[in-house]
Amino acid sequence: MCLKRSAVVGRNASISWYDINLNDSTGISEIFTELSGENAHSATFGLFTADQEKKMTIKHTTEHRAPRTVSEMRSRLILHDRAFVDYHGKILIPHRYTDCRGSESTDVLLLSADARINALPELDVGNSQVNCSHAVTISRPDKEKIFYLNSRGVGPEAAEEILTVAFLAPIVDTVKNGTIRRMLKPSANP
């Protein structure tokens, strides 16, 4: 499966993307946003889980093509078994566009020793009159938190699920539609 989406965002307009794959498929997912008008804004949120031997390629790109534009890219990934993700996040700001802001963060939780990720955050900035940042974190479940939950009577599997739901919460909580938000929080269902 290859899913490509793109948008051109004009003056004083905004767009929010949600790129969500909860272990349903393998393939390629691409989002390209061009901020072409002054005061344009974009937000790209990614939420991904994969297990078994699933392979995904994810590409999120925002290009600032006007001054005073703002972009935000945030993704959370949970990988288990032998899953592999190739993640590319890119913010481009050519030299003639100033007063732009761009941020990109990718957080990955590896639940097995064989799960792998290739994460490449990239800033292509042509001038110093902008404010940009990028970050990637890759971690494993916190053993102290699991121990704490176990000592309170929560079994190992339930403790791992609680921690993974909490890990995804910063992205899930940005979803405004209550029905979709509940679907993304399995432990919140009765």
C-alpha atoms as a PDB file:
ATOM      1  CA  MET A   1       0.000   0.000   0.000  1.00  0.00           C
ATOM      2  CA  CYS A   2       1.233   3.486  -0.879  1.00  0.00           C
ATOM      3  CA  LEU A   3      -0.694   6.450   0.492  1.00  0.00           C
ATOM      4  CA  LYS A   4       0.390   9.926  -0.654  1.00  0.00           C
ATOM      5  CA  ARG A   5      -1.263  13.155   0.431  1.00  0.00           C
ATOM      6  CA  SER A   6      -0.352  16.768  -0.227  1.00  0.00           C
ATOM      7  CA  ALA A   7      -1.713  20.262   0.303  1.00  0.00           C
ATOM      8  CA  VAL A   8      -0.844  23.853  -0.479  1.00  0.00           C
ATOM      9  CA  VAL A   9      -1.757  26.166   2.410  1.00  0.00           C
ATOM     10  CA  GLY A  10      -2.366  29.818   1.542  1.00  0.00           C
ATOM     11  CA  ARG A  11      -2.234  33.089   3.439  1.00  0.00           C
ATOM     12  CA  ASN A  12      -3.685  32.972   6.987  1.00  0.00           C
ATOM     13  CA  ALA A  13      -4.874  29.367   6.446  1.00  0.00           C
ATOM     14  CA  SER A  14      -4.008  26.214   8.357  1.00  0.00           C
ATOM     15  CA  ILE A  15      -4.129  22.443   7.987  1.00  0.00           C
ATOM     16  CA  SER A  16      -3.825  19.575  10.451  1.00  0.00           C
ATOM     17  CA  TRP A  17      -2.867  16.112   9.233  1.00  0.00           C
ATOM     18  CA  TYR A  18      -3.253  12.839  11.136  1.00  0.00           C
ATOM     19  CA  ASP A  19      -1.206   9.938   9.800  1.00  0.00           C
ATOM     20  CA  ILE A  20      -2.353   6.897  11.789  1.00  0.00           C
ATOM     21  CA  ASN A  21      -1.480   3.242  11.256  1.00  0.00           C
ATOM     22  CA  LEU A  22      -2.267   1.001  14.196  1.00  0.00           C
ATOM     23  CA  ASN A  23      -0.662  -2.212  12.992  1.00  0.00           C
ATOM     24  CA  ASP A  24      -3.107  -2.584  10.101  1.00  0.00           C
ATOM     25  CA  SER A  25      -0.759  -2.696   7.162  1.00  0.00           C
ATOM     26  CA  THR A  26       2.684  -2.293   5.733  1.00  0.00           C
ATOM     27  CA  GLY A  27       3.695   0.093   3.008  1.00  0.00           C
ATOM     28  CA  ILE A  28       4.482   3.737   2.396  1.00  0.00           C
ATOM     29  CA  SER A  29       2.785   6.787   3.867  1.00  0.00           C
ATOM     30  CA  GLU A  30       3.741  10.263   2.634  1.00  0.00           C
ATOM     31  CA  ILE A  31       2.467  13.713   3.562  1.00  0.00           C
ATOM     32  CA  PHE A  32       3.759  16.842   1.825  1.00  0.00           C
ATOM     33  CA  THR A  33       2.655  20.320   2.890  1.00  0.00           C
ATOM     34  CA  GLU A  34       3.587  23.569   1.177  1.00  0.00           C
ATOM     35  CA  LEU A  35       3.063  26.729   3.202  1.00  0.00           C
ATOM     36  CA  SER A  36       2.672  29.189   0.339  1.00  0.00           C
ATOM     37  CA  GLY A  37       1.102  32.225   2.022  1.00  0.00           C
ATOM     38  CA  GLU A  38       2.129  34.508   4.836  1.00  0.00           C
ATOM     39  CA  ASN A  39       0.941  33.344   8.280  1.00  0.00           C
ATOM     40  CA  ALA A  40       0.124  29.846   6.973  1.00  0.00           C
ATOM     41  CA  HIS A  41       0.265  27.065   9.563  1.00  0.00           C
ATOM     42  CA  SER A  42       0.515  23.280   9.381  1.00  0.00           C
ATOM     43  CA  ALA A  43       0.502  20.500  11.945  1.00  0.00           C
ATOM     44  CA  THR A  44       1.338  16.897  11.041  1.00  0.00           C
ATOM     45  CA  PHE A  45       0.705  14.276  13.721  1.00  0.00           C
ATOM     46  CA  GLY A  46       1.803  10.656  13.284  1.00  0.00           C
ATOM     47  CA  LEU A  47       0.699   7.676  15.341  1.00  0.00           C
ATOM     48  CA  PHE A  48       2.084   4.263  14.394  1.00  0.00           C
ATOM     49  CA  THR A  49       2.278   0.791  15.877  1.00  0.00           C
ATOM     50  CA  ALA A  50       3.744  -2.281  14.199  1.00  0.00           C
ATOM     51  CA  ASP A  51       4.510  -5.840  15.184  1.00  0.00           C
ATOM     52  CA  GLN A  52       5.461  -9.182  13.639  1.00  0.00           C
ATOM     53  CA  GLU A  53       7.602  -8.474  10.559  1.00  0.00           C
ATOM     54  CA  LYS A  54       5.704  -5.444   9.307  1.00  0.00           C
ATOM     55  CA  LYS A  55       7.657  -2.821   7.417  1.00  0.00           C
ATOM     56  CA  MET A  56       6.630   0.810   6.963  1.00  0.00           C
ATOM     57  CA  THR A  57       8.127   3.822   5.271  1.00  0.00           C
ATOM     58  CA  ILE A  58       6.880   7.169   6.557  1.00  0.00           C
ATOM     59  CA  LYS A  59       7.743  10.527   4.990  1.00  0.00           C
ATOM     60  CA  HIS A  60       6.496  13.824   6.407  1.00  0.00           C
ATOM     61  CA  THR A  61       7.713  16.973   4.634  1.00  0.00           C
ATOM     62  CA  THR A  62       6.808  20.629   5.102  1.00  0.00           C
ATOM     63  CA  GLU A  63       8.154  23.306   2.795  1.00  0.00           C
ATOM     64  CA  HIS A  64       7.916  26.956   3.847  1.00  0.00           C
ATOM     65  CA  ARG A  65       7.391  29.041   0.691  1.00  0.00           C
ATOM     66  CA  ALA A  66       6.424  32.333   2.357  1.00  0.00           C
ATOM     67  CA  PRO A  67       7.601  34.422   5.321  1.00  0.00           C
ATOM     68  CA  ARG A  68       6.049  34.160   8.798  1.00  0.00           C
ATOM     69  CA  THR A  69       4.869  30.568   8.413  1.00  0.00           C
ATOM     70  CA  VAL A  70       4.675  27.933  11.152  1.00  0.00           C
ATOM     71  CA  SER A  71       4.971  24.159  10.945  1.00  0.00           C
ATOM     72  CA  GLU A  72       4.829  21.438  13.553  1.00  0.00           C
ATOM     73  CA  MET A  73       5.490  17.712  13.026  1.00  0.00           C
ATOM     74  CA  ARG A  74       5.095  15.250  15.914  1.00  0.00           C
ATOM     75  CA  SER A  75       5.083  11.462  15.682  1.00  0.00           C
ATOM     76  CA  ARG A  76       4.951   8.581  18.141  1.00  0.00           C
ATOM     77  CA  LEU A  77       5.804   5.014  17.126  1.00  0.00           C
ATOM     78  CA  ILE A  78       5.618   1.722  19.019  1.00  0.00           C
ATOM     79  CA  LEU A  79       7.451  -1.237  17.462  1.00  0.00           C
ATOM     80  CA  HIS A  80       7.339  -4.869  18.578  1.00  0.00           C
ATOM     81  CA  ASP A  81       8.664  -8.245  17.386  1.00  0.00           C
ATOM     82  CA  ARG A  82      10.678  -7.768  14.164  1.00  0.00           C
ATOM     83  CA  ALA A  83       8.852  -4.674  12.889  1.00  0.00           C
ATOM     84  CA  PHE A  84      10.873  -2.108  10.941  1.00  0.00           C
ATOM     85  CA  VAL A  85      10.105   1.545  10.167  1.00  0.00           C
ATOM     86  CA  ASP A  86      12.011   3.903   7.901  1.00  0.00           C
ATOM     87  CA  TYR A  87      10.962   7.390   9.056  1.00  0.00           C
ATOM     88  CA  HIS A  88      11.920  10.639   7.285  1.00  0.00           C
ATOM     89  CA  GLY A  89      10.780  14.017   8.580  1.00  0.00           C
ATOM     90  CA  LYS A  90      11.880  17.149   6.753  1.00  0.00           C
ATOM     91  CA  ILE A  91      11.374  20.897   7.111  1.00  0.00           C
ATOM     92  CA  LEU A  92      12.555  23.076   4.213  1.00  0.00           C
ATOM     93  CA  ILE A  93      12.909  26.864   4.409  1.00  0.00           C
ATOM     94  CA  PRO A  94      14.587  28.526   1.413  1.00  0.00           C
ATOM     95  CA  HIS A  95      16.912  31.461   2.052  1.00  0.00           C
ATOM     96  CA  ARG A  96      14.480  34.245   1.054  1.00  0.00           C
ATOM     97  CA  TYR A  97      11.763  33.375   3.626  1.00  0.00           C
ATOM     98  CA  THR A  98      12.300  34.799   7.113  1.00  0.00           C
ATOM     99  CA  ASP A  99      10.504  34.751  10.443  1.00  0.00           C
ATOM    100  CA  CYS A 100       9.419  31.143   9.937  1.00  0.00           C
ATOM    101  CA  ARG A 101       9.091  28.585  12.726  1.00  0.00           C
ATOM    102  CA  GLY A 102       9.341  24.834  12.323  1.00  0.00           C
ATOM    103  CA  SER A 103       9.548  22.000  14.817  1.00  0.00           C
ATOM    104  CA  GLU A 104       9.811  18.275  14.352  1.00  0.00           C
ATOM    105  CA  SER A 105       9.887  15.556  17.006  1.00  0.00           C
ATOM    106  CA  THR A 106       9.755  11.785  16.708  1.00  0.00           C
ATOM    107  CA  ASP A 107       9.509   9.500  19.724  1.00  0.00           C
ATOM    108  CA  VAL A 108       9.909   5.735  19.372  1.00  0.00           C
ATOM    109  CA  LEU A 109       9.185   2.982  21.900  1.00  0.00           C
ATOM    110  CA  LEU A 110      10.826  -0.372  21.116  1.00  0.00           C
ATOM    111  CA  LEU A 111       9.077  -3.293  22.819  1.00  0.00           C
ATOM    112  CA  SER A 112      11.463  -6.002  21.619  1.00  0.00           C
ATOM    113  CA  ALA A 113      15.162  -6.394  20.947  1.00  0.00           C
ATOM    114  CA  ASP A 114      14.493  -7.192  17.267  1.00  0.00           C
ATOM    115  CA  ALA A 115      12.306  -4.154  16.459  1.00  0.00           C
ATOM    116  CA  ARG A 116      14.195  -1.550  14.429  1.00  0.00           C
ATOM    117  CA  ILE A 117      13.818   1.997  13.206  1.00  0.00           C
ATOM    118  CA  ASN A 118      15.764   4.199  10.851  1.00  0.00           C
ATOM    119  CA  ALA A 119      14.758   7.736  11.883  1.00  0.00           C
ATOM    120  CA  LEU A 120      16.066  10.677   9.897  1.00  0.00           C
ATOM    121  CA  PRO A 121      14.948  14.143  11.000  1.00  0.00           C
ATOM    122  CA  GLU A 122      16.133  16.813   8.592  1.00  0.00           C
ATOM    123  CA  LEU A 123      16.207  20.597   8.547  1.00  0.00           C
ATOM    124  CA  ASP A 124      17.053  22.295   5.248  1.00  0.00           C
ATOM    125  CA  VAL A 125      17.215  25.943   6.268  1.00  0.00           C
ATOM    126  CA  GLY A 126      18.655  28.634   4.019  1.00  0.00           C
ATOM    127  CA  ASN A 127      18.952  31.520   6.485  1.00  0.00           C
ATOM    128  CA  SER A 128      19.376  32.375  10.154  1.00  0.00           C
ATOM    129  CA  GLN A 129      16.203  34.453  10.494  1.00  0.00           C
ATOM    130  CA  VAL A 130      14.099  31.416  11.451  1.00  0.00           C
ATOM    131  CA  ASN A 131      13.442  29.286  14.516  1.00  0.00           C
ATOM    132  CA  CYS A 132      13.660  25.529  13.823  1.00  0.00           C
ATOM    133  CA  SER A 133      14.218  22.393  15.854  1.00  0.00           C
ATOM    134  CA  HIS A 134      14.191  18.643  15.416  1.00  0.00           C
ATOM    135  CA  ALA A 135      14.571  15.689  17.752  1.00  0.00           C
ATOM    136  CA  VAL A 136      14.333  11.900  17.836  1.00  0.00           C
ATOM    137  CA  THR A 137      14.133   9.760  20.960  1.00  0.00           C
ATOM    138  CA  ILE A 138      14.284   5.968  20.965  1.00  0.00           C
ATOM    139  CA  SER A 139      13.565   4.149  24.202  1.00  0.00           C
ATOM    140  CA  ARG A 140      12.433   0.909  25.762  1.00  0.00           C
ATOM    141  CA  PRO A 141       9.758   0.468  28.468  1.00  0.00           C
ATOM    142  CA  ASP A 142      10.861   1.995  31.753  1.00  0.00           C
ATOM    143  CA  LYS A 143      11.640  -0.922  34.104  1.00  0.00           C
ATOM    144  CA  GLU A 144      11.086   1.219  37.203  1.00  0.00           C
ATOM    145  CA  LYS A 145       7.581   2.159  36.039  1.00  0.00           C
ATOM    146  CA  ILE A 146       6.785  -1.473  35.234  1.00  0.00           C
ATOM    147  CA  PHE A 147       8.081  -2.497  38.674  1.00  0.00           C
ATOM    148  CA  TYR A 148       5.952   0.194  40.323  1.00  0.00           C
ATOM    149  CA  LEU A 149       2.806  -0.977  38.502  1.00  0.00           C
ATOM    150  CA  ASN A 150       3.627  -4.641  39.289  1.00  0.00           C
ATOM    151  CA  SER A 151       4.046  -3.787  42.973  1.00  0.00           C
ATOM    152  CA  ARG A 152       0.525  -2.289  42.878  1.00  0.00           C
ATOM    153  CA  GLY A 153      -0.982  -5.527  41.566  1.00  0.00           C
ATOM    154  CA  VAL A 154      -0.893  -4.754  37.843  1.00  0.00           C
ATOM    155  CA  GLY A 155       0.296  -7.747  35.817  1.00  0.00           C
ATOM    156  CA  PRO A 156       3.207  -7.473  33.346  1.00  0.00           C
ATOM    157  CA  GLU A 157       1.043  -7.360  30.194  1.00  0.00           C
ATOM    158  CA  ALA A 158      -1.385  -4.832  31.675  1.00  0.00           C
ATOM    159  CA  ALA A 159       1.535  -2.688  32.880  1.00  0.00           C
ATOM    160  CA  GLU A 160       3.033  -2.654  29.380  1.00  0.00           C
ATOM    161  CA  GLU A 161      -0.339  -1.669  27.901  1.00  0.00           C
ATOM    162  CA  ILE A 162      -0.771   1.160  30.424  1.00  0.00           C
ATOM    163  CA  LEU A 163       2.676   2.505  29.562  1.00  0.00           C
ATOM    164  CA  THR A 164       2.115   2.266  25.800  1.00  0.00           C
ATOM    165  CA  VAL A 165      -1.248   4.060  26.035  1.00  0.00           C
ATOM    166  CA  ALA A 166       0.474   6.791  28.076  1.00  0.00           C
ATOM    167  CA  PHE A 167       3.276   6.971  25.507  1.00  0.00           C
ATOM    168  CA  LEU A 168       0.768   7.613  22.679  1.00  0.00           C
ATOM    169  CA  ALA A 169      -1.317  10.111  24.696  1.00  0.00           C
ATOM    170  CA  PRO A 170       0.457  13.321  23.541  1.00  0.00           C
ATOM    171  CA  ILE A 171      -0.708  12.621  19.971  1.00  0.00           C
ATOM    172  CA  VAL A 172      -4.083  11.040  20.835  1.00  0.00           C
ATOM    173  CA  ASP A 173      -4.964  14.028  23.015  1.00  0.00           C
ATOM    174  CA  THR A 174      -4.654  16.397  20.017  1.00  0.00           C
ATOM    175  CA  VAL A 175      -7.572  14.623  18.268  1.00  0.00           C
ATOM    176  CA  LYS A 176     -10.649  16.809  18.669  1.00  0.00           C
ATOM    177  CA  ASN A 177     -13.231  14.179  17.636  1.00  0.00           C
ATOM    178  CA  GLY A 178     -14.213  12.313  20.836  1.00  0.00           C
ATOM    179  CA  THR A 179     -15.252   9.113  19.066  1.00  0.00           C
ATOM    180  CA  ILE A 180     -11.928   8.815  17.249  1.00  0.00           C
ATOM    181  CA  ARG A 181      -9.994   9.729  20.393  1.00  0.00           C
ATOM    182  CA  ARG A 182     -11.737   6.908  22.323  1.00  0.00           C
ATOM    183  CA  MET A 183     -10.943   4.456  19.502  1.00  0.00           C
ATOM    184  CA  LEU A 184      -7.266   5.352  19.832  1.00  0.00           C
ATOM    185  CA  LYS A 185      -7.288   4.746  23.604  1.00  0.00           C
ATOM    186  CA  PRO A 186      -8.156   1.045  23.939  1.00  0.00           C
ATOM    187  CA  SER A 187      -7.821   0.988  27.728  1.00  0.00           C
ATOM    188  CA  ALA A 188     -10.380   3.810  28.005  1.00  0.00           C
ATOM    189  CA  ASN A 189     -13.107   1.577  26.527  1.00  0.00           C
ATOM    190  CA  PRO A 190     -15.445  -0.212  28.966  1.00  0.00           C
END
